[in-house]
């Protein structure tokens, strides 16, 4: 979590003036792993007052058969994801936005490599959000996000996202508490607006343990081919682990909505992480049920022309 948060003008787009009243948590209890049904999304969807400590990052909810079963299913999902995206692309009416968040080494890049590559590449827009540029800082924190939303038929992938502005901003005190509180409301309004425009939103929090992160950082140092990924600042950020867990819990509690649900994926096991993400994407696209257009064509006449 070494990227800096944007400190753009507030309020975003001038739509929310003044200070919002204190946020009231949703009254219903956490639903993680306690929802009726067998869909993986039902097991991993978070709602209500959420704490990261409620989820064991080494668990594998919904998976039967271990690593071999996971890898077999992921391979099977490849054709499913490509076909579903092909239909979405041809339909050209709606889009899908996939948000990836997680601590450093949680597997955001790996998820893109192993899961998202199964989509039709001509209709995928991947955005790895870095520290905001000077131009981006002159605008509200959602300005740069709007510019990277997927068009109809496309799938957008956010590797980090607007949530950095309520995560690192809270942990490092980059904005006053009142501003961060307001941002939760702005995010919900923004995501509701995006959903109403025809974009389905799926947000994944890839949850790893403190010990697993240490192992992966050590592996980067010991493996010459992975050293380019190592950032010494990651060690400093580890000292703020509890603060980040608290910030994630607050963000998920306040911003997991019916229009834009959060799925908290245990990610210590990379095979399970890939399995869960691909399974939820398949479930989401099947629920969207995109369909190939049925243009009105005079087939006999056109076939005759082609025979001439």
Protein backbone atom coordinates (compact mmCIF):
# COMPACT_ATOMS: atom_id res chain seq x y z
CA UNK A 1 0.00 0.00 0.00
CA UNK A 2 2.69 2.45 -0.95
CA UNK A 3 0.65 4.45 -3.48
CA UNK A 4 -0.38 7.93 -2.46
CA UNK A 5 -4.01 8.98 -2.30
CA UNK A 6 -5.30 11.85 -4.39
CA UNK A 7 -5.94 15.08 -2.55
CA UNK A 8 -8.14 16.67 -5.16
CA UNK A 9 -10.77 19.34 -4.69
CA UNK A 10 -13.66 18.48 -2.41
CA UNK A 11 -16.53 17.88 -2.78
CA UNK A 12 -16.42 15.63 -5.85
CA UNK A 13 -18.05 17.30 -8.87
CA UNK A 14 -19.59 19.83 -6.53
CA UNK A 15 -22.54 17.52 -5.94
CA UNK A 16 -22.17 17.09 -2.20
CA UNK A 17 -21.69 20.29 -0.31
CA UNK A 18 -20.88 20.65 3.35
CA UNK A 19 -20.24 17.91 5.86
CA UNK A 20 -22.31 14.76 5.84
CA UNK A 21 -23.88 13.59 9.10
CA UNK A 22 -22.10 10.72 10.86
CA UNK A 23 -22.51 7.43 9.05
CA UNK A 24 -24.85 4.87 10.52
CA UNK A 25 -23.78 1.26 10.04
CA UNK A 26 -26.21 -1.10 8.41
CA UNK A 27 -28.14 -2.90 11.09
CA UNK A 28 -28.01 -6.37 9.69
CA UNK A 29 -25.23 -8.71 10.76
CA UNK A 30 -22.32 -9.81 8.63
CA UNK A 31 -23.46 -12.25 6.00
CA UNK A 32 -20.07 -13.67 5.00
CA UNK A 33 -20.38 -17.41 4.58
CA UNK A 34 -23.81 -17.45 6.20
CA UNK A 35 -26.11 -16.87 3.23
CA UNK A 36 -28.41 -19.59 1.98
CA UNK A 37 -27.46 -21.01 -1.40
CA UNK A 38 -24.45 -22.66 -2.93
CA UNK A 39 -23.14 -19.90 -5.22
CA UNK A 40 -19.60 -18.86 -4.36
CA UNK A 41 -20.69 -15.24 -4.56
CA UNK A 42 -23.25 -15.87 -1.83
CA UNK A 43 -20.53 -17.30 0.40
CA UNK A 44 -18.02 -14.50 -0.10
CA UNK A 45 -20.27 -11.44 -0.39
CA UNK A 46 -19.87 -9.07 2.57
CA UNK A 47 -22.57 -6.90 4.05
CA UNK A 48 -23.36 -5.24 7.32
CA UNK A 49 -20.74 -4.39 9.93
CA UNK A 50 -17.68 -6.12 8.55
CA UNK A 51 -14.27 -6.89 10.08
CA UNK A 52 -11.37 -8.41 8.22
CA UNK A 53 -10.71 -10.63 11.21
CA UNK A 54 -14.03 -12.37 10.49
CA UNK A 55 -12.44 -13.99 7.44
CA UNK A 56 -9.69 -16.61 7.64
CA UNK A 57 -7.35 -15.74 4.73
CA UNK A 58 -6.22 -19.38 4.54
CA UNK A 59 -9.74 -20.79 4.24
CA UNK A 60 -11.34 -22.09 1.03
CA UNK A 61 -15.13 -21.57 1.31
CA UNK A 62 -17.15 -23.50 -1.23
CA UNK A 63 -14.26 -25.45 -2.74
CA UNK A 64 -14.37 -29.22 -2.71
CA UNK A 65 -11.50 -31.33 -3.94
CA UNK A 66 -8.58 -29.06 -3.09
CA UNK A 67 -6.04 -27.56 -5.45
CA UNK A 68 -6.58 -30.05 -8.27
CA UNK A 69 -10.31 -29.34 -8.34
CA UNK A 70 -9.66 -25.60 -8.27
CA UNK A 71 -7.23 -25.72 -11.17
CA UNK A 72 -9.55 -27.97 -13.15
CA UNK A 73 -12.49 -25.61 -12.65
CA UNK A 74 -10.43 -22.52 -13.55
CA UNK A 75 -9.44 -24.19 -16.81
CA UNK A 76 -13.08 -25.01 -17.49
CA UNK A 77 -14.06 -21.41 -16.77
CA UNK A 78 -11.76 -20.14 -19.51
CA UNK A 79 -14.20 -21.02 -22.29
CA UNK A 80 -17.18 -19.87 -20.20
CA UNK A 81 -15.68 -16.43 -19.56
CA UNK A 82 -14.66 -15.93 -23.16
CA UNK A 83 -18.09 -16.94 -24.48
CA UNK A 84 -19.97 -14.78 -21.94
CA UNK A 85 -17.79 -11.79 -22.72
CA UNK A 86 -18.23 -12.39 -26.45
CA UNK A 87 -21.98 -12.17 -25.94
CA UNK A 88 -21.62 -9.02 -23.83
CA UNK A 89 -19.40 -7.46 -26.48
CA UNK A 90 -21.80 -8.34 -29.30
CA UNK A 91 -24.84 -7.16 -27.36
CA UNK A 92 -23.11 -3.78 -26.91
CA UNK A 93 -25.60 -2.49 -24.33
CA UNK A 94 -24.01 -3.13 -20.93
CA UNK A 95 -20.55 -3.46 -19.41
CA UNK A 96 -18.79 -5.01 -16.43
CA UNK A 97 -16.42 -3.30 -14.00
CA UNK A 98 -14.13 -5.48 -11.87
CA UNK A 99 -12.39 -3.77 -8.93
CA UNK A 100 -9.35 -5.45 -7.34
CA UNK A 101 -8.09 -4.29 -3.95
CA UNK A 102 -5.79 -5.85 -1.39
CA UNK A 103 -2.59 -5.43 0.55
CA UNK A 104 0.73 -5.57 -1.27
CA UNK A 105 1.46 -9.14 -2.55
CA UNK A 106 -2.23 -10.10 -2.17
CA UNK A 107 -2.37 -11.19 -5.80
CA UNK A 108 -3.98 -8.36 -7.77
CA UNK A 109 -1.52 -8.74 -10.66
CA UNK A 110 -1.77 -12.53 -10.45
CA UNK A 111 -5.55 -12.35 -10.68
CA UNK A 112 -5.26 -10.30 -13.85
CA UNK A 113 -2.74 -12.78 -15.28
CA UNK A 114 -4.57 -16.00 -14.44
CA UNK A 115 -8.24 -15.02 -14.57
CA UNK A 116 -8.92 -11.83 -16.48
CA UNK A 117 -6.85 -12.94 -19.48
CA UNK A 118 -9.71 -15.31 -20.30
CA UNK A 119 -11.81 -12.44 -21.60
CA UNK A 120 -11.89 -11.24 -25.20
CA UNK A 121 -8.83 -8.91 -25.27
CA UNK A 122 -10.37 -6.46 -27.74
CA UNK A 123 -13.01 -5.57 -25.18
CA UNK A 124 -10.92 -5.32 -21.98
CA UNK A 125 -9.58 -2.11 -20.43
CA UNK A 126 -7.11 -2.69 -17.56
CA UNK A 127 -6.19 0.29 -15.39
CA UNK A 128 -3.51 -0.02 -12.67
CA UNK A 129 -4.14 3.13 -10.65
CA UNK A 130 -0.90 4.65 -9.36
CA UNK A 131 -0.18 7.76 -7.31
CA UNK A 132 -2.26 10.60 -8.81
CA UNK A 133 -0.61 12.93 -11.28
CA UNK A 134 -0.53 16.71 -10.75
CA UNK A 135 -3.44 17.03 -13.18
CA UNK A 136 -5.47 14.41 -11.31
CA UNK A 137 -4.82 16.17 -8.02
CA UNK A 138 -6.49 19.30 -9.37
CA UNK A 139 -9.78 17.40 -9.57
CA UNK A 140 -11.96 15.45 -7.19
CA UNK A 141 -10.78 11.94 -6.40
CA UNK A 142 -13.38 10.33 -8.67
CA UNK A 143 -12.42 12.35 -11.75
CA UNK A 144 -9.72 9.97 -12.95
CA UNK A 145 -11.96 6.98 -12.18
CA UNK A 146 -14.73 8.25 -14.44
CA UNK A 147 -12.31 8.57 -17.32
CA UNK A 148 -11.50 4.82 -17.20
CA UNK A 149 -14.99 3.36 -16.94
CA UNK A 150 -15.75 0.63 -19.50
CA UNK A 151 -17.87 1.38 -22.56
CA UNK A 152 -20.85 -0.74 -23.58
CA UNK A 153 -19.73 -4.27 -24.39
CA UNK A 154 -16.42 -3.92 -22.56
CA UNK A 155 -15.01 -5.18 -19.27
CA UNK A 156 -13.01 -2.75 -17.17
CA UNK A 157 -10.44 -3.96 -14.63
CA UNK A 158 -9.28 -1.62 -11.86
CA UNK A 159 -6.03 -2.77 -10.22
CA UNK A 160 -6.44 -0.57 -7.15
CA UNK A 161 -9.16 2.02 -7.43
CA UNK A 162 -11.01 4.95 -5.89
CA UNK A 163 -10.92 3.03 -2.61
CA UNK A 164 -7.30 4.08 -2.12
CA UNK A 165 -8.75 7.45 -1.12
CA UNK A 166 -10.47 5.93 1.93
CA UNK A 167 -7.78 3.33 2.68
CA UNK A 168 -4.29 4.83 2.50
CA UNK A 169 -5.83 8.25 3.07
CA UNK A 170 -7.23 7.07 6.41
CA UNK A 171 -4.14 5.13 7.48
CA UNK A 172 -1.71 7.96 6.66
CA UNK A 173 -4.02 10.83 7.65
CA UNK A 174 -3.83 12.31 4.15
CA UNK A 175 -7.28 13.83 4.54
CA UNK A 176 -9.35 15.01 7.54
CA UNK A 177 -11.74 12.42 9.02
CA UNK A 178 -14.74 14.48 7.88
CA UNK A 179 -13.51 14.36 4.28
CA UNK A 180 -13.00 10.59 4.40
CA UNK A 181 -16.47 10.13 5.90
CA UNK A 182 -17.90 12.16 3.04
CA UNK A 183 -16.03 10.06 0.49
CA UNK A 184 -17.86 6.88 1.54
CA UNK A 185 -21.12 8.59 0.60
CA UNK A 186 -19.66 9.92 -2.63
CA UNK A 187 -18.42 6.46 -3.59
CA UNK A 188 -21.85 4.92 -2.99
CA UNK A 189 -23.56 7.65 -5.03
CA UNK A 190 -20.99 7.28 -7.81
CA UNK A 191 -21.28 3.48 -7.97
CA UNK A 192 -25.07 3.67 -7.95
CA UNK A 193 -24.91 6.12 -10.87
CA UNK A 194 -22.53 3.83 -12.77
CA UNK A 195 -24.76 0.81 -12.16
CA UNK A 196 -27.84 2.68 -13.38
CA UNK A 197 -26.00 3.54 -16.59
CA UNK A 198 -25.72 -0.17 -17.41
CA UNK A 199 -22.40 -1.19 -15.83
CA UNK A 200 -22.38 -4.15 -13.46
CA UNK A 201 -19.86 -3.64 -10.64
CA UNK A 202 -18.02 -6.47 -8.87
CA UNK A 203 -15.45 -5.61 -6.18
CA UNK A 204 -12.91 -8.11 -4.88
CA UNK A 205 -10.88 -7.66 -1.72
CA UNK A 206 -8.03 -10.19 -1.89
CA UNK A 207 -7.37 -10.98 1.77
CA UNK A 208 -3.98 -12.39 2.80
CA UNK A 209 -2.51 -12.87 6.25
CA UNK A 210 0.37 -10.95 7.80
CA UNK A 211 2.53 -14.08 7.77
CA UNK A 212 1.71 -14.90 4.15
CA UNK A 213 2.70 -11.41 3.05
CA UNK A 214 6.05 -11.84 4.80
CA UNK A 215 6.63 -15.13 2.95
CA UNK A 216 5.87 -13.52 -0.40
CA UNK A 217 8.12 -10.53 0.28
CA UNK A 218 10.94 -12.86 1.28
CA UNK A 219 10.37 -14.86 -1.89
CA UNK A 220 10.71 -11.69 -3.96
CA UNK A 221 14.04 -10.94 -2.34
CA UNK A 222 15.40 -14.46 -2.80
CA UNK A 223 14.21 -14.91 -6.39
CA UNK A 224 16.26 -12.80 -8.85
CA UNK A 225 13.38 -12.85 -11.33
CA UNK A 226 11.01 -11.32 -8.78
CA UNK A 227 13.25 -8.70 -7.19
CA UNK A 228 11.98 -6.04 -9.58
CA UNK A 229 8.65 -6.28 -7.75
CA UNK A 230 10.15 -5.54 -4.35
CA UNK A 231 9.55 -2.15 -2.78
CA UNK A 232 11.28 -1.42 0.53
CA UNK A 233 8.34 0.76 1.46
CA UNK A 234 6.25 -2.40 1.76
CA UNK A 235 8.20 -3.28 4.91
CA UNK A 236 7.32 0.08 6.44
CA UNK A 237 3.66 -0.38 5.53
CA UNK A 238 3.60 -3.74 7.34
CA UNK A 239 3.98 -1.84 10.59
CA UNK A 240 0.54 -0.34 9.88
CA UNK A 241 -1.13 -3.70 9.21
CA UNK A 242 -3.80 -3.35 11.89
CA UNK A 243 -4.63 0.15 10.69
CA UNK A 244 -5.09 -1.14 7.16
CA UNK A 245 -7.30 -3.98 8.34
CA UNK A 246 -9.46 -1.47 10.17
CA UNK A 247 -9.61 0.81 7.11
CA UNK A 248 -10.61 -2.10 4.87
CA UNK A 249 -13.31 -3.17 7.30
CA UNK A 250 -14.77 0.33 7.37
CA UNK A 251 -14.68 0.73 3.59
CA UNK A 252 -16.35 -2.63 3.02
CA UNK A 253 -18.96 -2.00 5.73
CA UNK A 254 -19.92 1.37 4.29
CA UNK A 255 -19.65 0.56 0.58
CA UNK A 256 -20.85 -3.01 0.02
CA UNK A 257 -24.22 -2.33 -1.58
CA UNK A 258 -26.68 -4.25 -3.76
CA UNK A 259 -25.50 -2.17 -6.74
CA UNK A 260 -21.81 -2.74 -6.04
CA UNK A 261 -21.13 -5.66 -3.67
CA UNK A 262 -17.79 -6.44 -2.08
CA UNK A 263 -16.53 -10.03 -2.19
CA UNK A 264 -13.82 -10.81 0.35
CA UNK A 265 -11.69 -13.58 -1.12
CA UNK A 266 -9.33 -15.55 1.15
CA UNK A 267 -6.11 -15.28 -0.84
CA UNK A 268 -3.33 -17.11 1.03
CA UNK A 269 -3.97 -20.01 -1.34
CA UNK A 270 -3.41 -18.68 -4.87
CA UNK A 271 -5.24 -21.57 -6.50
CA UNK A 272 -8.32 -20.87 -4.38
CA UNK A 273 -8.08 -17.13 -5.08
CA UNK A 274 -8.13 -17.73 -8.84
CA UNK A 275 -10.92 -20.28 -8.51
CA UNK A 276 -13.14 -18.01 -6.40
CA UNK A 277 -12.67 -14.93 -8.57
CA UNK A 278 -13.28 -16.80 -11.82
CA UNK A 279 -16.32 -18.55 -10.35
CA UNK A 280 -17.88 -15.26 -9.19
CA UNK A 281 -17.22 -13.67 -12.58
CA UNK A 282 -18.92 -16.58 -14.32
CA UNK A 283 -21.86 -16.32 -11.92
CA UNK A 284 -22.10 -12.57 -12.48
CA UNK A 285 -22.02 -12.75 -16.27
CA UNK A 286 -24.51 -15.61 -16.34
CA UNK A 287 -26.82 -13.51 -14.19
CA UNK A 288 -26.41 -10.61 -16.62
CA UNK A 289 -27.27 -13.09 -19.40
CA UNK A 290 -25.99 -11.06 -22.38
CA UNK A 291 -27.41 -12.18 -25.72
CA UNK A 292 -26.23 -12.08 -29.29
CA UNK A 293 -28.17 -9.57 -31.40
CA UNK A 294 -30.70 -10.97 -33.84
CA UNK A 295 -30.57 -8.59 -36.81
CA UNK A 296 -33.37 -8.77 -39.35
CA UNK A 297 -31.73 -10.18 -42.45
CA UNK A 298 -33.14 -11.64 -45.65
CA UNK A 299 -31.05 -14.79 -45.38
CA UNK A 300 -32.15 -16.48 -48.66
CA UNK A 301 -31.46 -13.32 -50.66
CA UNK A 302 -28.05 -12.80 -49.07
CA UNK A 303 -27.05 -16.45 -49.56
CA UNK A 304 -28.07 -16.20 -53.19
CA UNK A 305 -25.90 -13.12 -53.66
CA UNK A 306 -22.96 -14.98 -52.14
CA UNK A 307 -23.44 -17.85 -54.61
CA UNK A 308 -23.27 -15.50 -57.57
